[in-house]
Amino acid sequence: MITDVEEEGSLPESHLLSQNYPNPFNPTTKINYSISQTGIVTLTVFDVLGNEIASLVNEEKSTGNYEFTFDTAGLPSGIYFYKLQTGSFTETKKMILLR
């Protein structure tokens, strides 16, 4: 199941990509991020070789806090990276899938 839900609360003043939870994980993990300005947002998962594994978000988002549940069905155990890009903001974090 894949979800991308805007959380209630105050509007963020800066962009933020949080560490996924749980980490290590199996089979799903949650990725939280905040967007301080409306714009095109991409959230992408890569393997350790830099190959794109999944495009989780690729659309215009309003200012707010978001949570995405990433289901890793079909992926092998290993280290993966997820990258958030919006405007001039880019941040990458590491996550570990244990089967």
PDB file of N, CA and C in Angstrom:
ATOM      1  N   MET A   1       0.844  -1.181   0.000  1.00  0.00           N
ATOM      2  CA  MET A   1       0.000   0.000   0.000  1.00  0.00           C
ATOM      3  C   MET A   1       0.889   1.243   0.000  1.00  0.00           C
ATOM      4  N   ILE A   2       0.607   2.153  -0.884  1.00  0.00           N
ATOM      5  CA  ILE A   2       1.374   3.389  -0.988  1.00  0.00           C
ATOM      6  C   ILE A   2       0.441   4.537  -0.628  1.00  0.00           C
ATOM      7  N   THR A   3       0.898   5.374   0.296  1.00  0.00           N
ATOM      8  CA  THR A   3       0.090   6.537   0.678  1.00  0.00           C
ATOM      9  C   THR A   3       0.961   7.772   0.713  1.00  0.00           C
ATOM     10  N   ASP A   4       0.360   8.882   0.419  1.00  0.00           N
ATOM     11  CA  ASP A   4       1.036  10.175   0.482  1.00  0.00           C
ATOM     12  C   ASP A   4       0.011  11.124   1.076  1.00  0.00           C
ATOM     13  N   VAL A   5       0.130  11.380   2.369  1.00  0.00           N
ATOM     14  CA  VAL A   5      -0.906  12.094   3.097  1.00  0.00           C
ATOM     15  C   VAL A   5      -0.328  13.360   3.707  1.00  0.00           C
ATOM     16  N   GLU A   6      -1.026  14.468   3.519  1.00  0.00           N
ATOM     17  CA  GLU A   6      -0.616  15.703   4.160  1.00  0.00           C
ATOM     18  C   GLU A   6      -1.072  15.654   5.612  1.00  0.00           C
ATOM     19  N   GLU A   7      -0.154  15.927   6.525  1.00  0.00           N
ATOM     20  CA  GLU A   7      -0.473  15.905   7.946  1.00  0.00           C
ATOM     21  C   GLU A   7      -1.002  17.262   8.387  1.00  0.00           C
ATOM     22  N   GLU A   8      -1.885  17.229   9.376  1.00  0.00           N
ATOM     23  CA  GLU A   8      -2.435  18.467   9.924  1.00  0.00           C
ATOM     24  C   GLU A   8      -1.383  19.157  10.800  1.00  0.00           C
ATOM     25  N   GLY A   9      -1.507  20.445  10.984  1.00  0.00           N
ATOM     26  CA  GLY A   9      -0.587  21.175  11.847  1.00  0.00           C
ATOM     27  C   GLY A   9      -0.162  22.478  11.205  1.00  0.00           C
ATOM     28  N   SER A  10       0.835  23.109  11.814  1.00  0.00           N
ATOM     29  CA  SER A  10       1.311  24.382  11.303  1.00  0.00           C
ATOM     30  C   SER A  10       2.104  24.182  10.016  1.00  0.00           C
ATOM     31  N   LEU A  11       2.168  25.229   9.210  1.00  0.00           N
ATOM     32  CA  LEU A  11       2.904  25.168   7.953  1.00  0.00           C
ATOM     33  C   LEU A  11       4.401  25.259   8.222  1.00  0.00           C
ATOM     34  N   PRO A  12       5.193  24.441   7.536  1.00  0.00           N
ATOM     35  CA  PRO A  12       6.646  24.451   7.757  1.00  0.00           C
ATOM     36  C   PRO A  12       7.286  25.733   7.222  1.00  0.00           C
ATOM     37  N   GLU A  13       8.365  26.146   7.882  1.00  0.00           N
ATOM     38  CA  GLU A  13       9.095  27.342   7.468  1.00  0.00           C
ATOM     39  C   GLU A  13      10.309  27.004   6.609  1.00  0.00           C
ATOM     40  N   SER A  14      10.643  25.710   6.524  1.00  0.00           N
ATOM     41  CA  SER A  14      11.765  25.288   5.688  1.00  0.00           C
ATOM     42  C   SER A  14      11.498  23.888   5.159  1.00  0.00           C
ATOM     43  N   HIS A  15      12.243  23.514   4.132  1.00  0.00           N
ATOM     44  CA  HIS A  15      12.151  22.159   3.592  1.00  0.00           C
ATOM     45  C   HIS A  15      12.858  21.211   4.554  1.00  0.00           C
ATOM     46  N   LEU A  16      12.332  19.983   4.674  1.00  0.00           N
ATOM     47  CA  LEU A  16      12.931  19.005   5.573  1.00  0.00           C
ATOM     48  C   LEU A  16      12.645  17.609   5.065  1.00  0.00           C
ATOM     49  N   LEU A  17      13.652  16.759   5.094  1.00  0.00           N
ATOM     50  CA  LEU A  17      13.494  15.337   4.811  1.00  0.00           C
ATOM     51  C   LEU A  17      13.908  14.596   6.071  1.00  0.00           C
ATOM     52  N   SER A  18      12.985  13.846   6.663  1.00  0.00           N
ATOM     53  CA  SER A  18      13.265  13.115   7.893  1.00  0.00           C
ATOM     54  C   SER A  18      13.790  11.722   7.597  1.00  0.00           C
ATOM     55  N   GLN A  19      14.454  11.136   8.595  1.00  0.00           N
ATOM     56  CA  GLN A  19      14.903   9.751   8.472  1.00  0.00           C
ATOM     57  C   GLN A  19      13.685   8.843   8.432  1.00  0.00           C
ATOM     58  N   ASN A  20      13.719   7.845   7.549  1.00  0.00           N
ATOM     59  CA  ASN A  20      12.593   6.909   7.467  1.00  0.00           C
ATOM     60  C   ASN A  20      12.432   6.147   8.784  1.00  0.00           C
ATOM     61  N   TYR A  21      11.216   5.648   9.030  1.00  0.00           N
ATOM     62  CA  TYR A  21      10.944   4.896  10.251  1.00  0.00           C
ATOM     63  C   TYR A  21      10.012   3.744   9.936  1.00  0.00           C
ATOM     64  N   PRO A  22      10.244   2.555  10.386  1.00  0.00           N
ATOM     65  CA  PRO A  22      11.471   2.141  11.088  1.00  0.00           C
ATOM     66  C   PRO A  22      12.641   1.990  10.118  1.00  0.00           C
ATOM     67  N   ASN A  23      13.822   1.928  10.680  1.00  0.00           N
ATOM     68  CA  ASN A  23      15.033   1.735   9.894  1.00  0.00           C
ATOM     69  C   ASN A  23      16.036   0.983  10.756  1.00  0.00           C
ATOM     70  N   PRO A  24      16.394  -0.252  10.445  1.00  0.00           N
ATOM     71  CA  PRO A  24      16.021  -1.064   9.295  1.00  0.00           C
ATOM     72  C   PRO A  24      14.537  -1.420   9.297  1.00  0.00           C
ATOM     73  N   PHE A  25      14.052  -1.862   8.125  1.00  0.00           N
ATOM     74  CA  PHE A  25      12.627  -2.134   7.978  1.00  0.00           C
ATOM     75  C   PHE A  25      12.375  -3.358   7.117  1.00  0.00           C
ATOM     76  N   ASN A  26      11.140  -3.873   7.211  1.00  0.00           N
ATOM     77  CA  ASN A  26      10.657  -4.967   6.380  1.00  0.00           C
ATOM     78  C   ASN A  26       9.174  -5.135   6.644  1.00  0.00           C
ATOM     79  N   PRO A  27       8.286  -5.027   5.709  1.00  0.00           N
ATOM     80  CA  PRO A  27       8.478  -4.725   4.296  1.00  0.00           C
ATOM     81  C   PRO A  27       8.178  -3.267   3.958  1.00  0.00           C
ATOM     82  N   THR A  28       7.642  -2.489   4.925  1.00  0.00           N
ATOM     83  CA  THR A  28       7.303  -1.089   4.629  1.00  0.00           C
ATOM     84  C   THR A  28       8.009  -0.142   5.582  1.00  0.00           C
ATOM     85  N   THR A  29       8.152   1.097   5.126  1.00  0.00           N
ATOM     86  CA  THR A  29       8.733   2.149   5.950  1.00  0.00           C
ATOM     87  C   THR A  29       8.036   3.457   5.620  1.00  0.00           C
ATOM     88  N   LYS A  30       8.032   4.375   6.566  1.00  0.00           N
ATOM     89  CA  LYS A  30       7.417   5.682   6.369  1.00  0.00           C
ATOM     90  C   LYS A  30       8.499   6.736   6.168  1.00  0.00           C
ATOM     91  N   ILE A  31       8.282   7.614   5.179  1.00  0.00           N
ATOM     92  CA  ILE A  31       9.193   8.720   4.898  1.00  0.00           C
ATOM     93  C   ILE A  31       8.399  10.007   5.071  1.00  0.00           C
ATOM     94  N   ASN A  32       8.828  10.854   6.005  1.00  0.00           N
ATOM     95  CA  ASN A  32       8.177  12.143   6.249  1.00  0.00           C
ATOM     96  C   ASN A  32       9.014  13.260   5.654  1.00  0.00           C
ATOM     97  N   TYR A  33       8.315  14.247   5.078  1.00  0.00           N
ATOM     98  CA  TYR A  33       9.009  15.411   4.536  1.00  0.00           C
ATOM     99  C   TYR A  33       8.113  16.636   4.635  1.00  0.00           C
ATOM    100  N   SER A  34       8.755  17.795   4.660  1.00  0.00           N
ATOM    101  CA  SER A  34       8.048  19.075   4.754  1.00  0.00           C
ATOM    102  C   SER A  34       8.466  19.955   3.589  1.00  0.00           C
ATOM    103  N   ILE A  35       7.485  20.670   3.043  1.00  0.00           N
ATOM    104  CA  ILE A  35       7.714  21.579   1.921  1.00  0.00           C
ATOM    105  C   ILE A  35       7.286  22.969   2.366  1.00  0.00           C
ATOM    106  N   SER A  36       8.198  23.948   2.255  1.00  0.00           N
ATOM    107  CA  SER A  36       7.884  25.300   2.724  1.00  0.00           C
ATOM    108  C   SER A  36       7.323  26.204   1.628  1.00  0.00           C
ATOM    109  N   GLN A  37       7.411  25.762   0.373  1.00  0.00           N
ATOM    110  CA  GLN A  37       6.866  26.535  -0.741  1.00  0.00           C
ATOM    111  C   GLN A  37       6.240  25.583  -1.746  1.00  0.00           C
ATOM    112  N   THR A  38       5.107  25.973  -2.295  1.00  0.00           N
ATOM    113  CA  THR A  38       4.462  25.160  -3.318  1.00  0.00           C
ATOM    114  C   THR A  38       5.393  25.012  -4.513  1.00  0.00           C
ATOM    115  N   GLY A  39       5.485  23.791  -5.038  1.00  0.00           N
ATOM    116  CA  GLY A  39       6.337  23.559  -6.195  1.00  0.00           C
ATOM    117  C   GLY A  39       6.373  22.091  -6.560  1.00  0.00           C
ATOM    118  N   ILE A  40       7.129  21.792  -7.609  1.00  0.00           N
ATOM    119  CA  ILE A  40       7.297  20.420  -8.051  1.00  0.00           C
ATOM    120  C   ILE A  40       8.196  19.690  -7.049  1.00  0.00           C
ATOM    121  N   VAL A  41       7.730  18.530  -6.599  1.00  0.00           N
ATOM    122  CA  VAL A  41       8.446  17.725  -5.609  1.00  0.00           C
ATOM    123  C   VAL A  41       8.722  16.354  -6.211  1.00  0.00           C
ATOM    124  N   THR A  42       9.969  15.878  -6.066  1.00  0.00           N
ATOM    125  CA  THR A  42      10.277  14.504  -6.436  1.00  0.00           C
ATOM    126  C   THR A  42      10.885  13.805  -5.229  1.00  0.00           C
ATOM    127  N   LEU A  43      10.447  12.574  -5.014  1.00  0.00           N
ATOM    128  CA  LEU A  43      10.983  11.707  -3.971  1.00  0.00           C
ATOM    129  C   LEU A  43      11.308  10.387  -4.663  1.00  0.00           C
ATOM    130  N   THR A  44      12.603  10.065  -4.714  1.00  0.00           N
ATOM    131  CA  THR A  44      13.079   8.948  -5.512  1.00  0.00           C
ATOM    132  C   THR A  44      13.943   8.028  -4.659  1.00  0.00           C
ATOM    133  N   VAL A  45      13.873   6.717  -4.943  1.00  0.00           N
ATOM    134  CA  VAL A  45      14.677   5.714  -4.240  1.00  0.00           C
ATOM    135  C   VAL A  45      15.718   5.153  -5.204  1.00  0.00           C
ATOM    136  N   PHE A  46      16.964   5.015  -4.704  1.00  0.00           N
ATOM    137  CA  PHE A  46      18.084   4.504  -5.487  1.00  0.00           C
ATOM    138  C   PHE A  46      18.755   3.348  -4.749  1.00  0.00           C
ATOM    139  N   ASP A  47      19.401   2.453  -5.513  1.00  0.00           N
ATOM    140  CA  ASP A  47      20.216   1.419  -4.873  1.00  0.00           C
ATOM    141  C   ASP A  47      21.632   1.967  -4.675  1.00  0.00           C
ATOM    142  N   VAL A  48      22.531   1.132  -4.117  1.00  0.00           N
ATOM    143  CA  VAL A  48      23.889   1.602  -3.819  1.00  0.00           C
ATOM    144  C   VAL A  48      24.703   1.902  -5.072  1.00  0.00           C
ATOM    145  N   LEU A  49      24.261   1.401  -6.221  1.00  0.00           N
ATOM    146  CA  LEU A  49      24.963   1.686  -7.476  1.00  0.00           C
ATOM    147  C   LEU A  49      24.448   2.945  -8.157  1.00  0.00           C
ATOM    148  N   GLY A  50      23.417   3.578  -7.552  1.00  0.00           N
ATOM    149  CA  GLY A  50      22.869   4.797  -8.126  1.00  0.00           C
ATOM    150  C   GLY A  50      21.746   4.569  -9.109  1.00  0.00           C
ATOM    151  N   ASN A  51      21.300   3.324  -9.247  1.00  0.00           N
ATOM    152  CA  ASN A  51      20.182   3.019 -10.139  1.00  0.00           C
ATOM    153  C   ASN A  51      18.866   3.417  -9.477  1.00  0.00           C
ATOM    154  N   GLU A  52      18.001   4.082 -10.235  1.00  0.00           N
ATOM    155  CA  GLU A  52      16.704   4.468  -9.688  1.00  0.00           C
ATOM    156  C   GLU A  52      15.846   3.214  -9.529  1.00  0.00           C
ATOM    157  N   ILE A  53      15.343   3.010  -8.313  1.00  0.00           N
ATOM    158  CA  ILE A  53      14.523   1.845  -7.988  1.00  0.00           C
ATOM    159  C   ILE A  53      13.037   2.195  -8.054  1.00  0.00           C
ATOM    160  N   ALA A  54      12.679   3.400  -7.567  1.00  0.00           N
ATOM    161  CA  ALA A  54      11.271   3.801  -7.537  1.00  0.00           C
ATOM    162  C   ALA A  54      11.159   5.318  -7.515  1.00  0.00           C
ATOM    163  N   SER A  55      10.150   5.823  -8.217  1.00  0.00           N
ATOM    164  CA  SER A  55       9.792   7.233  -8.146  1.00  0.00           C
ATOM    165  C   SER A  55       8.525   7.304  -7.291  1.00  0.00           C
ATOM    166  N   LEU A  56       8.669   7.768  -6.055  1.00  0.00           N
ATOM    167  CA  LEU A  56       7.557   7.761  -5.101  1.00  0.00           C
ATOM    168  C   LEU A  56       6.642   8.964  -5.269  1.00  0.00           C
ATOM    169  N   VAL A  57       7.229  10.124  -5.517  1.00  0.00           N
ATOM    170  CA  VAL A  57       6.467  11.357  -5.702  1.00  0.00           C
ATOM    171  C   VAL A  57       7.092  12.109  -6.866  1.00  0.00           C
ATOM    172  N   ASN A  58       6.255  12.622  -7.753  1.00  0.00           N
ATOM    173  CA  ASN A  58       6.733  13.455  -8.863  1.00  0.00           C
ATOM    174  C   ASN A  58       5.562  14.328  -9.305  1.00  0.00           C
ATOM    175  N   GLU A  59       5.273  15.363  -8.496  1.00  0.00           N
ATOM    176  CA  GLU A  59       4.118  16.219  -8.769  1.00  0.00           C
ATOM    177  C   GLU A  59       4.221  17.518  -7.987  1.00  0.00           C
ATOM    178  N   GLU A  60       3.347  18.441  -8.307  1.00  0.00           N
ATOM    179  CA  GLU A  60       3.308  19.705  -7.573  1.00  0.00           C
ATOM    180  C   GLU A  60       2.649  19.470  -6.218  1.00  0.00           C
ATOM    181  N   LYS A  61       3.277  19.987  -5.177  1.00  0.00           N
ATOM    182  CA  LYS A  61       2.756  19.869  -3.816  1.00  0.00           C
ATOM    183  C   LYS A  61       2.631  21.257  -3.207  1.00  0.00           C
ATOM    184  N   SER A  62       1.621  21.425  -2.377  1.00  0.00           N
ATOM    185  CA  SER A  62       1.429  22.666  -1.629  1.00  0.00           C
ATOM    186  C   SER A  62       2.318  22.663  -0.400  1.00  0.00           C
ATOM    187  N   THR A  63       2.527  23.825   0.186  1.00  0.00           N
ATOM    188  CA  THR A  63       3.253  23.938   1.438  1.00  0.00           C
ATOM    189  C   THR A  63       2.592  23.025   2.457  1.00  0.00           C
ATOM    190  N   GLY A  64       3.398  22.233   3.160  1.00  0.00           N
ATOM    191  CA  GLY A  64       2.829  21.341   4.168  1.00  0.00           C
ATOM    192  C   GLY A  64       3.775  20.240   4.570  1.00  0.00           C
ATOM    193  N   ASN A  65       3.267  19.373   5.449  1.00  0.00           N
ATOM    194  CA  ASN A  65       3.989  18.213   5.954  1.00  0.00           C
ATOM    195  C   ASN A  65       3.366  16.970   5.338  1.00  0.00           C
ATOM    196  N   TYR A  66       4.205  16.065   4.854  1.00  0.00           N
ATOM    197  CA  TYR A  66       3.721  14.882   4.154  1.00  0.00           C
ATOM    198  C   TYR A  66       4.358  13.617   4.708  1.00  0.00           C
ATOM    199  N   GLU A  67       3.646  12.509   4.567  1.00  0.00           N
ATOM    200  CA  GLU A  67       4.153  11.198   4.943  1.00  0.00           C
ATOM    201  C   GLU A  67       3.897  10.240   3.790  1.00  0.00           C
ATOM    202  N   PHE A  68       4.917   9.474   3.418  1.00  0.00           N
ATOM    203  CA  PHE A  68       4.784   8.498   2.339  1.00  0.00           C
ATOM    204  C   PHE A  68       5.140   7.130   2.890  1.00  0.00           C
ATOM    205  N   THR A  69       4.300   6.130   2.648  1.00  0.00           N
ATOM    206  CA  THR A  69       4.597   4.761   3.034  1.00  0.00           C
ATOM    207  C   THR A  69       5.139   4.027   1.819  1.00  0.00           C
ATOM    208  N   PHE A  70       6.374   3.569   1.934  1.00  0.00           N
ATOM    209  CA  PHE A  70       7.062   2.882   0.843  1.00  0.00           C
ATOM    210  C   PHE A  70       7.004   1.384   1.084  1.00  0.00           C
ATOM    211  N   ASP A  71       6.381   0.652   0.157  1.00  0.00           N
ATOM    212  CA  ASP A  71       6.268  -0.806   0.227  1.00  0.00           C
ATOM    213  C   ASP A  71       7.340  -1.399  -0.680  1.00  0.00           C
ATOM    214  N   THR A  72       8.204  -2.216  -0.105  1.00  0.00           N
ATOM    215  CA  THR A  72       9.363  -2.725  -0.833  1.00  0.00           C
ATOM    216  C   THR A  72       9.144  -4.123  -1.417  1.00  0.00           C
ATOM    217  N   ALA A  73       7.909  -4.489  -1.665  1.00  0.00           N
ATOM    218  CA  ALA A  73       7.623  -5.810  -2.234  1.00  0.00           C
ATOM    219  C   ALA A  73       8.479  -6.045  -3.478  1.00  0.00           C
ATOM    220  N   GLY A  74       9.168  -7.166  -3.503  1.00  0.00           N
ATOM    221  CA  GLY A  74       9.978  -7.520  -4.661  1.00  0.00           C
ATOM    222  C   GLY A  74      11.411  -7.031  -4.619  1.00  0.00           C
ATOM    223  N   LEU A  75      11.764  -6.213  -3.643  1.00  0.00           N
ATOM    224  CA  LEU A  75      13.148  -5.725  -3.550  1.00  0.00           C
ATOM    225  C   LEU A  75      13.958  -6.625  -2.626  1.00  0.00           C
ATOM    226  N   PRO A  76      15.231  -6.854  -2.959  1.00  0.00           N
ATOM    227  CA  PRO A  76      16.084  -7.653  -2.078  1.00  0.00           C
ATOM    228  C   PRO A  76      16.586  -6.829  -0.887  1.00  0.00           C
ATOM    229  N   SER A  77      17.049  -7.526   0.142  1.00  0.00           N
ATOM    230  CA  SER A  77      17.679  -6.855   1.282  1.00  0.00           C
ATOM    231  C   SER A  77      18.834  -5.999   0.784  1.00  0.00           C
ATOM    232  N   GLY A  78      19.086  -4.912   1.493  1.00  0.00           N
ATOM    233  CA  GLY A  78      20.222  -4.075   1.127  1.00  0.00           C
ATOM    234  C   GLY A  78      20.062  -2.651   1.594  1.00  0.00           C
ATOM    235  N   ILE A  79      21.034  -1.851   1.221  1.00  0.00           N
ATOM    236  CA  ILE A  79      21.041  -0.428   1.545  1.00  0.00           C
ATOM    237  C   ILE A  79      20.469   0.326   0.353  1.00  0.00           C
ATOM    238  N   TYR A  80      19.567   1.241   0.639  1.00  0.00           N
ATOM    239  CA  TYR A  80      18.945   2.075  -0.381  1.00  0.00           C
ATOM    240  C   TYR A  80      19.047   3.528   0.055  1.00  0.00           C
ATOM    241  N   PHE A  81      18.930   4.427  -0.894  1.00  0.00           N
ATOM    242  CA  PHE A  81      18.953   5.859  -0.623  1.00  0.00           C
ATOM    243  C   PHE A  81      17.679   6.473  -1.161  1.00  0.00           C
ATOM    244  N   TYR A  82      17.132   7.443  -0.436  1.00  0.00           N
ATOM    245  CA  TYR A  82      15.973   8.178  -0.931  1.00  0.00           C
ATOM    246  C   TYR A  82      16.319   9.656  -0.968  1.00  0.00           C
ATOM    247  N   LYS A  83      15.888  10.317  -2.058  1.00  0.00           N
ATOM    248  CA  LYS A  83      16.265  11.713  -2.301  1.00  0.00           C
ATOM    249  C   LYS A  83      15.024  12.550  -2.535  1.00  0.00           C
ATOM    250  N   LEU A  84      14.946  13.673  -1.812  1.00  0.00           N
ATOM    251  CA  LEU A  84      13.880  14.649  -1.979  1.00  0.00           C
ATOM    252  C   LEU A  84      14.446  15.850  -2.719  1.00  0.00           C
ATOM    253  N   GLN A  85      13.748  16.284  -3.787  1.00  0.00           N
ATOM    254  CA  GLN A  85      14.145  17.474  -4.531  1.00  0.00           C
ATOM    255  C   GLN A  85      12.931  18.370  -4.714  1.00  0.00           C
ATOM    256  N   THR A  86      13.108  19.655  -4.418  1.00  0.00           N
ATOM    257  CA  THR A  86      12.089  20.652  -4.692  1.00  0.00           C
ATOM    258  C   THR A  86      12.778  22.011  -4.768  1.00  0.00           C
ATOM    259  N   GLY A  87      12.561  22.713  -5.860  1.00  0.00           N
ATOM    260  CA  GLY A  87      13.248  23.994  -6.063  1.00  0.00           C
ATOM    261  C   GLY A  87      14.746  23.782  -5.992  1.00  0.00           C
ATOM    262  N   SER A  88      15.423  24.575  -5.175  1.00  0.00           N
ATOM    263  CA  SER A  88      16.876  24.445  -5.029  1.00  0.00           C
ATOM    264  C   SER A  88      17.256  23.509  -3.882  1.00  0.00           C
ATOM    265  N   PHE A  89      16.267  22.906  -3.215  1.00  0.00           N
ATOM    266  CA  PHE A  89      16.520  22.009  -2.086  1.00  0.00           C
ATOM    267  C   PHE A  89      16.676  20.571  -2.567  1.00  0.00           C
ATOM    268  N   THR A  90      17.747  19.928  -2.120  1.00  0.00           N
ATOM    269  CA  THR A  90      17.970  18.500  -2.378  1.00  0.00           C
ATOM    270  C   THR A  90      18.562  17.892  -1.116  1.00  0.00           C
ATOM    271  N   GLU A  91      18.000  16.754  -0.691  1.00  0.00           N
ATOM    272  CA  GLU A  91      18.574  16.039   0.447  1.00  0.00           C
ATOM    273  C   GLU A  91      18.399  14.548   0.215  1.00  0.00           C
ATOM    274  N   THR A  92      19.407  13.786   0.624  1.00  0.00           N
ATOM    275  CA  THR A  92      19.409  12.329   0.464  1.00  0.00           C
ATOM    276  C   THR A  92      19.659  11.677   1.810  1.00  0.00           C
ATOM    277  N   LYS A  93      18.957  10.579   2.064  1.00  0.00           N
ATOM    278  CA  LYS A  93      19.142   9.805   3.304  1.00  0.00           C
ATOM    279  C   LYS A  93      19.244   8.330   2.952  1.00  0.00           C
ATOM    280  N   LYS A  94      19.837   7.554   3.891  1.00  0.00           N
ATOM    281  CA  LYS A  94      20.051   6.130   3.701  1.00  0.00           C
ATOM    282  C   LYS A  94      19.011   5.338   4.499  1.00  0.00           C
ATOM    283  N   MET A  95      18.561   4.206   3.906  1.00  0.00           N
ATOM    284  CA  MET A  95      17.663   3.296   4.628  1.00  0.00           C
ATOM    285  C   MET A  95      18.108   1.858   4.352  1.00  0.00           C
ATOM    286  N   ILE A  96      17.773   0.957   5.280  1.00  0.00           N
ATOM    287  CA  ILE A  96      18.215  -0.420   5.199  1.00  0.00           C
ATOM    288  C   ILE A  96      17.015  -1.356   5.199  1.00  0.00           C
ATOM    289  N   LEU A  97      16.929  -2.173   4.158  1.00  0.00           N
ATOM    290  CA  LEU A  97      15.877  -3.181   4.043  1.00  0.00           C
ATOM    291  C   LEU A  97      16.438  -4.527   4.450  1.00  0.00           C
ATOM    292  N   LEU A  98      15.847  -5.159   5.477  1.00  0.00           N
ATOM    293  CA  LEU A  98      16.269  -6.480   5.937  1.00  0.00           C
ATOM    294  C   LEU A  98      15.138  -7.458   5.709  1.00  0.00           C
ATOM    295  N   ARG A  99      15.369  -8.458   4.918  1.00  0.00           N
ATOM    296  CA  ARG A  99      14.354  -9.500   4.657  1.00  0.00           C
ATOM    297  C   ARG A  99      14.521 -10.629   5.632  1.00  0.00           C
TER     298      ARG A  99
END
